Amino acid sequence: MDLTGQLNEIDRNRDLLREKCRLTPQQITNFDNHFRITNTFTSNAIEGNRLTVMETKLVLEDGISVGGKRLNDLLETVSHGKAFDLMLEIARENTLDTISKNLLRIVSDLHSCFYGMIDNKRAGIYRDVVVFIGGASVVPPAPEKLDTAMEDFGATFGKLKETYHPVLLAAYAHLRFVQIHPFIDGNGRTSRLLMNLILVNQGYQIIDFGEQVRDRYFFTLETASNQNYRDNAFYDLVADLELTAQKDYMRINNIDYPGPVPQTPPSGPRNGPRMGWSRAILSCVGSESWIKLTSLFNSWAESF
């Protein structure tokens, strides 16, 4: 399924969930607690936090400290849980227009909420030193260029929200923010909170970059950054995860999944379908099995 087909299916699923998933306030609270734990665990794990998902639950839900763990791991867990709650509050109480107009303040507030317990003096404050992203070839802007870079980010976001599908807008916000890297630390977690803020605001599901897609996550971030955010692979990944999250949410709420949206056969020059296959092949690198890759090549060969 190409990206357009995925987005059509995602919108169909969102509308179906709105129609059939009527939750009580207590059920909403229960789901919020669940996603706070899973999102905190996966986002922190990406950055090297050593707590397991059960230890994350003990800290966030039961308020129990875990013996033998680094203090910073515990602080990150508590702080991310609070930032997650702030993300939900902003997403649910504002329109997308309001979020867009206040985007820079919102990201500063999210970072302050997460980083305040770790380094209060730097929380929500743009860095004043040069930083490098480990393992990435992209170099973030120098400190003296951060104000301009962030203002451009806010202005571009405001323009793109008029034309981009919300899932793609959320992916773009993550990509561009993490490339700028405006803070001394906590940029990855802030960017993922911002992405989910946009998804929740527009009626979609919270997504996590779990261990099973971790390699694909890093690979597509790198390739997208190197190609000025025009590479489709990261957008494909975010769409894949949103579709998976919707299916899981339907299953938990006993809603039958209606199946994929019928696809319109491709038209135009032969290189159109081939380009689609190349993007699909690229999306398999790093996390999918060779069986799927072989199947993809077989399907590609049959299109001739």
Protein backbone atom coordinates (compact mmCIF):
# COMPACT_ATOMS: atom_id res chain seq x y z
CA MET A 1 0.00 0.00 0.00
CA ASP A 2 1.40 3.41 -0.94
CA LEU A 3 1.48 6.38 1.41
CA THR A 4 -1.71 7.91 0.01
CA GLY A 5 -3.54 4.63 0.52
CA GLN A 6 -2.26 4.41 4.08
CA LEU A 7 -3.47 7.92 4.87
CA ASN A 8 -6.90 7.17 3.42
CA GLU A 9 -7.14 4.06 5.61
CA ILE A 10 -5.93 6.00 8.65
CA ASP A 11 -8.63 8.64 8.15
CA ARG A 12 -11.28 5.96 7.69
CA ASN A 13 -10.17 4.30 10.94
CA ARG A 14 -10.16 7.61 12.82
CA ASP A 15 -13.74 8.31 11.76
CA LEU A 16 -14.80 4.78 12.71
CA LEU A 17 -13.24 5.12 16.17
CA ARG A 18 -14.96 8.45 16.70
CA GLU A 19 -18.28 6.84 15.82
CA LYS A 20 -18.02 3.59 17.77
CA CYS A 21 -15.58 4.16 20.61
CA ARG A 22 -17.55 5.89 23.36
CA LEU A 23 -15.39 5.93 26.48
CA THR A 24 -16.32 6.88 30.01
CA PRO A 25 -14.10 9.39 31.87
CA GLN A 26 -12.62 6.51 33.86
CA GLN A 27 -11.82 4.57 30.70
CA ILE A 28 -10.11 7.63 29.24
CA THR A 29 -8.03 7.95 32.41
CA ASN A 30 -7.09 4.28 32.23
CA PHE A 31 -5.95 4.59 28.63
CA ASP A 32 -4.01 7.77 29.44
CA ASN A 33 -2.19 5.96 32.22
CA HIS A 34 -1.37 3.05 29.93
CA PHE A 35 0.00 5.27 27.16
CA ARG A 36 1.93 7.41 29.67
CA ILE A 37 3.81 4.28 30.75
CA THR A 38 4.46 2.82 27.29
CA ASN A 39 5.37 6.14 25.69
CA THR A 40 7.69 7.09 28.54
CA PHE A 41 9.38 3.70 28.42
CA THR A 42 9.96 3.63 24.64
CA SER A 43 10.99 7.28 24.32
CA ASN A 44 13.41 7.06 27.23
CA ALA A 45 14.81 3.72 26.04
CA ILE A 46 15.80 5.32 22.73
CA GLU A 47 18.00 7.71 24.71
CA GLY A 48 19.64 5.00 26.81
CA ASN A 49 17.40 4.88 29.88
CA ARG A 50 17.80 1.47 31.55
CA LEU A 51 14.41 1.07 33.23
CA THR A 52 12.23 -1.77 31.98
CA VAL A 53 8.58 -1.20 31.14
CA MET A 54 7.53 -2.77 34.47
CA GLU A 55 9.97 -0.57 36.37
CA THR A 56 8.59 2.43 34.48
CA LYS A 57 5.10 1.42 35.64
CA LEU A 58 6.27 1.17 39.26
CA VAL A 59 7.70 4.68 39.13
CA LEU A 60 4.86 6.38 37.26
CA GLU A 61 1.76 4.54 38.40
CA ASP A 62 2.69 3.24 41.85
CA GLY A 63 5.16 5.92 42.89
CA ILE A 64 7.72 3.32 43.91
CA SER A 65 11.43 3.99 43.48
CA VAL A 66 13.44 1.18 41.91
CA GLY A 67 16.57 0.14 43.80
CA GLY A 68 19.90 -0.20 42.04
CA LYS A 69 19.00 2.13 39.18
CA ARG A 70 20.70 5.35 38.16
CA LEU A 71 19.17 8.46 39.66
CA ASN A 72 19.02 10.05 36.22
CA ASP A 73 16.95 7.13 34.90
CA LEU A 74 14.39 7.69 37.65
CA LEU A 75 14.32 11.47 37.14
CA GLU A 76 13.85 11.04 33.39
CA THR A 77 10.94 8.68 33.96
CA VAL A 78 9.11 10.94 36.39
CA SER A 79 9.79 14.01 34.24
CA HIS A 80 8.66 12.39 31.00
CA GLY A 81 5.46 11.23 32.65
CA LYS A 82 4.70 14.84 33.62
CA ALA A 83 5.60 16.12 30.17
CA PHE A 84 3.32 13.47 28.63
CA ASP A 85 0.42 14.76 30.75
CA LEU A 86 1.18 18.31 29.61
CA MET A 87 1.24 17.13 25.99
CA LEU A 88 -2.24 15.62 26.35
CA GLU A 89 -3.56 18.75 28.03
CA ILE A 90 -2.30 21.05 25.28
CA ALA A 91 -3.50 18.69 22.53
CA ARG A 92 -7.02 18.43 23.94
CA GLU A 93 -7.61 22.04 24.93
CA ASN A 94 -6.40 23.87 21.82
CA THR A 95 -7.12 24.05 18.12
CA LEU A 96 -4.37 23.32 15.62
CA ASP A 97 -4.34 27.02 14.71
CA THR A 98 -3.66 27.94 18.34
CA ILE A 99 -0.95 25.30 18.59
CA SER A 100 0.65 26.62 15.41
CA LYS A 101 0.63 30.23 16.60
CA ASN A 102 2.22 29.23 19.93
CA LEU A 103 4.44 26.42 18.65
CA LEU A 104 7.75 27.75 19.97
CA ARG A 105 6.34 28.44 23.42
CA ILE A 106 4.76 24.98 23.48
CA VAL A 107 8.02 23.18 22.68
CA SER A 108 9.77 25.28 25.32
CA ASP A 109 7.08 24.33 27.87
CA LEU A 110 7.34 20.64 26.97
CA HIS A 111 11.10 20.73 27.33
CA SER A 112 10.90 22.65 30.62
CA CYS A 113 8.46 20.10 32.00
CA PHE A 114 10.69 17.20 31.00
CA TYR A 115 14.11 18.71 31.75
CA GLY A 116 13.34 20.82 34.80
CA MET A 117 14.12 18.09 37.33
CA ILE A 118 17.32 17.16 35.48
CA ASP A 119 18.86 20.60 34.88
CA ASN A 120 16.54 23.43 35.85
CA LYS A 121 18.89 26.17 34.59
CA ARG A 122 18.82 24.82 31.04
CA ALA A 123 15.19 23.68 30.91
CA GLY A 124 13.32 25.37 28.07
CA ILE A 125 16.35 27.51 27.21
CA TYR A 126 18.07 27.32 23.84
CA ARG A 127 21.60 25.96 24.05
CA ASP A 128 24.62 28.26 23.98
CA VAL A 129 27.10 25.64 22.80
CA VAL A 130 27.69 23.70 19.59
CA VAL A 131 26.26 20.17 19.68
CA PHE A 132 26.53 17.09 17.49
CA ILE A 133 23.96 14.33 17.05
CA GLY A 134 25.63 11.01 17.77
CA GLY A 135 25.78 8.76 14.70
CA ALA A 136 24.25 11.39 12.40
CA SER A 137 25.90 13.35 9.61
CA VAL A 138 23.62 16.36 10.02
CA VAL A 139 25.12 19.19 12.09
CA PRO A 140 22.57 21.32 14.02
CA PRO A 141 22.72 25.11 13.66
CA ALA A 142 25.23 27.08 15.70
CA PRO A 143 23.84 28.75 18.87
CA GLU A 144 23.71 32.20 17.27
CA LYS A 145 21.49 30.83 14.48
CA LEU A 146 18.98 29.04 16.71
CA ASP A 147 16.50 31.91 17.05
CA THR A 148 16.23 32.24 13.28
CA ALA A 149 16.06 28.48 12.73
CA MET A 150 13.26 28.07 15.27
CA GLU A 151 11.33 31.05 13.92
CA ASP A 152 11.58 29.56 10.44
CA PHE A 153 10.41 26.22 11.86
CA GLY A 154 7.34 27.86 13.37
CA ALA A 155 6.55 29.78 10.19
CA THR A 156 6.96 26.71 7.96
CA PHE A 157 4.79 24.63 10.27
CA GLY A 158 2.08 27.28 10.01
CA LYS A 159 2.15 27.06 6.22
CA LEU A 160 2.33 23.28 6.00
CA LYS A 161 -0.65 22.73 8.29
CA GLU A 162 -2.81 24.15 5.50
CA THR A 163 -1.72 21.51 2.99
CA TYR A 164 -0.11 18.56 4.79
CA HIS A 165 -2.12 15.62 6.07
CA PRO A 166 -1.98 15.78 9.90
CA VAL A 167 0.05 12.57 10.14
CA LEU A 168 2.63 14.00 7.74
CA LEU A 169 2.59 17.31 9.59
CA ALA A 170 3.34 15.49 12.84
CA ALA A 171 6.20 13.61 11.15
CA TYR A 172 7.58 16.85 9.72
CA ALA A 173 7.48 18.55 13.13
CA HIS A 174 9.50 15.69 14.63
CA LEU A 175 12.04 15.72 11.78
CA ARG A 176 12.64 19.44 11.63
CA PHE A 177 12.76 19.96 15.39
CA VAL A 178 15.23 17.17 16.05
CA GLN A 179 17.46 18.41 13.22
CA ILE A 180 17.62 21.91 14.75
CA HIS A 181 18.34 20.39 18.19
CA PRO A 182 17.64 23.69 19.99
CA PHE A 183 18.26 22.44 23.55
CA ILE A 184 21.37 21.06 25.19
CA ASP A 185 19.62 17.71 25.80
CA GLY A 186 16.14 16.19 25.65
CA ASN A 187 15.52 17.14 22.01
CA GLY A 188 14.54 13.64 20.88
CA ARG A 189 11.98 13.19 23.62
CA THR A 190 10.60 16.69 23.09
CA SER A 191 10.28 16.06 19.34
CA ARG A 192 8.37 12.82 19.94
CA LEU A 193 6.06 14.54 22.42
CA LEU A 194 5.42 17.29 19.86
CA MET A 195 4.65 14.70 17.17
CA ASN A 196 2.12 12.94 19.40
CA LEU A 197 0.62 16.26 20.47
CA ILE A 198 -0.31 16.95 16.85
CA LEU A 199 -1.64 13.42 16.33
CA VAL A 200 -3.83 13.54 19.44
CA ASN A 201 -5.05 17.03 18.60
CA GLN A 202 -6.25 15.81 15.21
CA GLY A 203 -7.96 12.69 16.52
CA TYR A 204 -5.27 10.10 15.81
CA GLN A 205 -3.56 7.59 18.07
CA ILE A 206 -0.38 8.02 20.08
CA ILE A 207 2.54 6.19 18.50
CA ASP A 208 5.76 4.78 19.94
CA PHE A 209 9.06 3.92 18.28
CA GLY A 210 9.48 0.57 20.00
CA GLU A 211 12.48 -1.74 19.85
CA GLN A 212 11.11 -3.63 16.84
CA VAL A 213 11.31 -0.47 14.67
CA ARG A 214 14.27 1.21 16.36
CA ASP A 215 16.75 0.57 13.52
CA ARG A 216 14.25 1.72 10.92
CA TYR A 217 13.55 4.82 13.02
CA PHE A 218 17.21 5.86 13.13
CA PHE A 219 17.78 5.00 9.47
CA THR A 220 14.79 6.95 8.17
CA LEU A 221 15.56 9.95 10.38
CA GLU A 222 19.07 10.07 8.96
CA THR A 223 18.05 9.67 5.32
CA ALA A 224 15.23 12.20 5.65
CA SER A 225 17.54 14.75 7.27
CA ASN A 226 20.13 14.25 4.56
CA GLN A 227 17.51 14.89 1.88
CA ASN A 228 16.00 18.04 3.38
CA TYR A 229 12.93 16.26 4.76
CA ARG A 230 11.70 15.23 1.31
CA ASP A 231 12.47 11.56 1.76
CA ASN A 232 9.30 9.52 2.11
CA ALA A 233 10.70 6.74 4.28
CA PHE A 234 10.23 8.51 7.62
CA TYR A 235 6.70 9.61 6.68
CA ASP A 236 5.99 5.98 5.71
CA LEU A 237 7.22 4.81 9.10
CA VAL A 238 5.03 7.26 11.03
CA ALA A 239 2.02 6.27 8.90
CA ASP A 240 2.76 2.57 9.45
CA LEU A 241 2.90 3.07 13.22
CA GLU A 242 -0.28 5.14 13.27
CA LEU A 243 -2.13 2.45 11.33
CA THR A 244 -0.82 -0.23 13.71
CA ALA A 245 -1.82 1.84 16.75
CA GLN A 246 -5.34 2.25 15.37
CA LYS A 247 -5.71 -1.48 14.80
CA ASP A 248 -4.52 -2.18 18.35
CA TYR A 249 -6.96 0.38 19.75
CA MET A 250 -9.83 -1.21 17.80
CA ARG A 251 -8.89 -4.65 19.11
CA ILE A 252 -8.74 -3.45 22.72
CA ASN A 253 -12.16 -1.82 22.35
CA ASN A 254 -13.73 -4.83 20.56
CA ILE A 255 -14.25 -2.96 17.31
CA ASP A 256 -13.95 -5.11 14.19
CA TYR A 257 -11.25 -3.90 11.82
CA PRO A 258 -12.99 -3.35 8.45
CA GLY A 259 -9.94 -4.19 6.35
CA PRO A 260 -7.86 -2.04 4.04
CA VAL A 261 -9.36 0.70 1.91
CA PRO A 262 -9.64 -0.44 -1.75
CA GLN A 263 -6.72 0.90 -3.76
CA THR A 264 -6.99 2.70 -7.08
CA PRO A 265 -4.73 1.02 -9.68
CA PRO A 266 -1.73 3.21 -10.54
CA SER A 267 -1.81 5.10 -13.80
CA GLY A 268 0.66 7.07 -15.87
CA PRO A 269 4.24 6.25 -16.85
CA ARG A 270 5.79 2.94 -15.79
CA ASN A 271 8.29 4.71 -13.53
CA GLY A 272 5.44 5.80 -11.24
CA PRO A 273 4.80 2.31 -9.80
CA ARG A 274 8.53 1.58 -9.74
CA MET A 275 9.15 4.65 -7.58
CA GLY A 276 6.47 3.38 -5.22
CA TRP A 277 8.16 0.00 -4.97
CA SER A 278 11.54 1.59 -4.28
CA ARG A 279 10.10 3.53 -1.35
CA ALA A 280 8.51 0.35 -0.03
CA ILE A 281 11.81 -1.51 -0.33
CA LEU A 282 13.60 1.28 1.50
CA SER A 283 11.05 1.12 4.30
CA CYS A 284 11.96 -2.53 4.91
CA VAL A 285 15.60 -1.83 5.64
CA GLY A 286 16.63 -2.15 9.26
CA SER A 287 13.64 -3.84 10.82
CA GLU A 288 11.66 -6.00 8.42
CA SER A 289 12.40 -9.62 7.58
CA TRP A 290 14.07 -10.90 4.44
CA ILE A 291 10.90 -12.87 3.78
CA LYS A 292 8.96 -9.65 3.37
CA LEU A 293 11.71 -8.18 1.22
CA THR A 294 11.70 -11.25 -1.04
CA SER A 295 7.92 -11.05 -1.36
CA LEU A 296 8.25 -7.40 -2.29
CA PHE A 297 10.68 -8.15 -5.07
CA ASN A 298 8.43 -10.92 -6.38
CA SER A 299 5.47 -8.55 -6.48
CA TRP A 300 7.61 -5.92 -8.18
CA ALA A 301 8.70 -8.41 -10.85
CA GLU A 302 5.10 -9.42 -11.52
CA SER A 303 4.19 -5.79 -12.30
CA PHE A 304 6.13 -5.91 -15.55
